[in-house]
Amino acid sequence: MANRYTLRMELPQSWTIIDVFTGQPAVIRQKVMVGMGPREAEDMVVQMNVRDVKRRERAERKS
């Protein structure tokens, strides 16, 4: 299963989490995931991809 989220460097030490399905910055709890530090962005993108895989697996089982 492909990852839904990836990182894009905007400026040195400023990262955005991108939703690869839409090409837009990801939004979590009404917060746009832009201007993040590298460590925070990397940790967050891993967590978001894990959650998304679990969500899609649950949806497939219900089908």
N, C-alpha and C. Protein backbone atom coordinates (compact mmCIF):
# COMPACT_ATOMS: atom_id res chain seq x y z
N MET A 1 0.84 -1.16 0.00
CA MET A 1 0.00 0.00 0.00
C MET A 1 0.89 1.24 0.00
N ALA A 2 0.59 2.18 -0.87
CA ALA A 2 1.39 3.40 -1.00
C ALA A 2 1.15 4.33 0.19
N ASN A 3 2.21 5.03 0.57
CA ASN A 3 2.06 6.04 1.62
C ASN A 3 1.24 7.21 1.11
N ARG A 4 0.37 7.69 1.95
CA ARG A 4 -0.47 8.84 1.58
C ARG A 4 0.26 10.16 1.80
N TYR A 5 1.17 10.22 2.76
CA TYR A 5 1.82 11.47 3.13
C TYR A 5 3.31 11.42 2.87
N THR A 6 3.86 12.55 2.48
CA THR A 6 5.30 12.68 2.26
C THR A 6 5.74 14.06 2.71
N LEU A 7 7.05 14.27 2.75
CA LEU A 7 7.60 15.56 3.19
C LEU A 7 8.11 16.35 2.00
N ARG A 8 7.98 17.66 2.11
CA ARG A 8 8.56 18.57 1.12
C ARG A 8 9.25 19.69 1.86
N MET A 9 10.53 19.92 1.51
CA MET A 9 11.28 21.01 2.14
C MET A 9 10.89 22.32 1.46
N GLU A 10 10.45 23.29 2.25
CA GLU A 10 10.08 24.60 1.73
C GLU A 10 11.28 25.55 1.81
N LEU A 11 11.92 25.56 2.95
CA LEU A 11 13.12 26.35 3.21
C LEU A 11 14.02 25.47 4.07
N PRO A 12 15.30 25.79 4.18
CA PRO A 12 16.12 25.00 5.11
C PRO A 12 15.46 24.99 6.50
N GLN A 13 15.31 23.82 7.04
CA GLN A 13 14.72 23.61 8.36
C GLN A 13 13.23 23.93 8.42
N SER A 14 12.55 23.97 7.27
CA SER A 14 11.11 24.22 7.23
C SER A 14 10.46 23.22 6.27
N TRP A 15 9.68 22.32 6.84
CA TRP A 15 9.09 21.23 6.07
C TRP A 15 7.57 21.29 6.08
N THR A 16 6.98 20.75 5.00
CA THR A 16 5.54 20.64 4.87
C THR A 16 5.20 19.18 4.65
N ILE A 17 4.13 18.70 5.29
CA ILE A 17 3.63 17.35 5.04
C ILE A 17 2.60 17.47 3.93
N ILE A 18 2.84 16.73 2.86
CA ILE A 18 1.99 16.78 1.67
C ILE A 18 1.15 15.51 1.59
N ASP A 19 -0.13 15.69 1.28
CA ASP A 19 -1.02 14.58 0.98
C ASP A 19 -0.79 14.25 -0.49
N VAL A 20 -0.17 13.11 -0.78
CA VAL A 20 0.19 12.80 -2.16
C VAL A 20 -1.04 12.54 -3.03
N PHE A 21 -2.18 12.22 -2.43
CA PHE A 21 -3.39 12.00 -3.21
C PHE A 21 -3.96 13.31 -3.74
N THR A 22 -3.79 14.41 -2.99
CA THR A 22 -4.34 15.70 -3.39
C THR A 22 -3.27 16.68 -3.87
N GLY A 23 -2.01 16.46 -3.46
CA GLY A 23 -0.94 17.39 -3.78
C GLY A 23 -0.92 18.62 -2.89
N GLN A 24 -1.78 18.65 -1.90
CA GLN A 24 -1.91 19.80 -1.00
C GLN A 24 -1.30 19.50 0.36
N PRO A 25 -0.95 20.55 1.12
CA PRO A 25 -0.48 20.32 2.49
C PRO A 25 -1.56 19.59 3.30
N ALA A 26 -1.12 18.66 4.13
CA ALA A 26 -2.04 17.91 4.98
C ALA A 26 -2.62 18.83 6.05
N VAL A 27 -3.84 18.52 6.46
CA VAL A 27 -4.51 19.26 7.53
C VAL A 27 -4.91 18.24 8.60
N ILE A 28 -4.45 18.45 9.82
CA ILE A 28 -4.76 17.58 10.94
C ILE A 28 -5.35 18.44 12.06
N ARG A 29 -6.55 18.07 12.50
CA ARG A 29 -7.24 18.82 13.55
C ARG A 29 -7.28 20.32 13.25
N GLN A 30 -7.63 20.64 12.02
CA GLN A 30 -7.77 22.02 11.54
C GLN A 30 -6.46 22.79 11.54
N LYS A 31 -5.32 22.08 11.56
CA LYS A 31 -4.01 22.74 11.49
C LYS A 31 -3.30 22.27 10.22
N VAL A 32 -2.87 23.24 9.41
CA VAL A 32 -2.14 22.92 8.19
C VAL A 32 -0.70 22.56 8.58
N MET A 33 -0.22 21.45 8.06
CA MET A 33 1.09 20.92 8.44
C MET A 33 2.20 21.57 7.60
N VAL A 34 2.48 22.83 7.88
CA VAL A 34 3.52 23.59 7.18
C VAL A 34 4.45 24.23 8.20
N GLY A 35 5.66 24.57 7.75
CA GLY A 35 6.61 25.29 8.61
C GLY A 35 7.12 24.46 9.78
N MET A 36 7.20 23.16 9.59
CA MET A 36 7.62 22.26 10.68
C MET A 36 9.13 22.06 10.66
N GLY A 37 9.69 21.80 11.83
CA GLY A 37 11.09 21.43 11.92
C GLY A 37 11.29 20.03 11.37
N PRO A 38 12.50 19.67 10.97
CA PRO A 38 12.72 18.38 10.32
C PRO A 38 12.37 17.17 11.19
N ARG A 39 12.74 17.17 12.44
CA ARG A 39 12.46 16.02 13.29
C ARG A 39 10.96 15.87 13.55
N GLU A 40 10.30 16.99 13.87
CA GLU A 40 8.86 16.97 14.11
C GLU A 40 8.11 16.50 12.86
N ALA A 41 8.50 17.01 11.70
CA ALA A 41 7.83 16.66 10.45
C ALA A 41 8.01 15.17 10.14
N GLU A 42 9.23 14.67 10.31
CA GLU A 42 9.49 13.26 10.03
C GLU A 42 8.69 12.35 10.97
N ASP A 43 8.68 12.67 12.24
CA ASP A 43 7.91 11.88 13.20
C ASP A 43 6.42 11.90 12.87
N MET A 44 5.91 13.07 12.53
CA MET A 44 4.49 13.23 12.24
C MET A 44 4.10 12.48 10.96
N VAL A 45 4.92 12.55 9.92
CA VAL A 45 4.57 11.89 8.67
C VAL A 45 4.55 10.37 8.86
N VAL A 46 5.44 9.84 9.67
CA VAL A 46 5.42 8.40 9.96
C VAL A 46 4.12 8.02 10.68
N GLN A 47 3.77 8.77 11.70
CA GLN A 47 2.53 8.49 12.44
C GLN A 47 1.30 8.60 11.55
N MET A 48 1.26 9.62 10.71
CA MET A 48 0.11 9.82 9.83
C MET A 48 -0.02 8.68 8.83
N ASN A 49 1.10 8.20 8.29
CA ASN A 49 1.05 7.10 7.33
C ASN A 49 0.61 5.80 8.00
N VAL A 50 1.07 5.55 9.22
CA VAL A 50 0.65 4.35 9.96
C VAL A 50 -0.86 4.39 10.20
N ARG A 51 -1.35 5.52 10.66
CA ARG A 51 -2.80 5.65 10.90
C ARG A 51 -3.60 5.48 9.62
N ASP A 52 -3.09 6.04 8.52
CA ASP A 52 -3.81 5.95 7.25
C ASP A 52 -3.87 4.50 6.76
N VAL A 53 -2.78 3.76 6.89
CA VAL A 53 -2.76 2.36 6.48
C VAL A 53 -3.78 1.57 7.31
N LYS A 54 -3.80 1.79 8.60
CA LYS A 54 -4.76 1.08 9.45
C LYS A 54 -6.19 1.43 9.07
N ARG A 55 -6.45 2.71 8.80
CA ARG A 55 -7.80 3.14 8.41
C ARG A 55 -8.22 2.48 7.09
N ARG A 56 -7.31 2.43 6.11
CA ARG A 56 -7.65 1.81 4.83
C ARG A 56 -7.84 0.31 4.95
N GLU A 57 -7.05 -0.34 5.82
CA GLU A 57 -7.23 -1.78 6.03
C GLU A 57 -8.59 -2.07 6.65
N ARG A 58 -9.02 -1.26 7.62
CA ARG A 58 -10.34 -1.44 8.22
C ARG A 58 -11.44 -1.24 7.17
N ALA A 59 -11.27 -0.24 6.33
CA ALA A 59 -12.27 0.03 5.30
C ALA A 59 -12.36 -1.11 4.30
N GLU A 60 -11.22 -1.72 3.95
CA GLU A 60 -11.22 -2.86 3.02
C GLU A 60 -11.92 -4.07 3.62
N ARG A 61 -11.74 -4.30 4.91
CA ARG A 61 -12.38 -5.45 5.57
C ARG A 61 -13.89 -5.29 5.61
N LYS A 62 -14.37 -4.05 5.69
CA LYS A 62 -15.81 -3.79 5.74
C LYS A 62 -16.46 -3.96 4.37
N SER A 63 -15.66 -3.85 3.32
CA SER A 63 -16.22 -3.94 1.95
C SER A 63 -16.67 -5.34 1.61
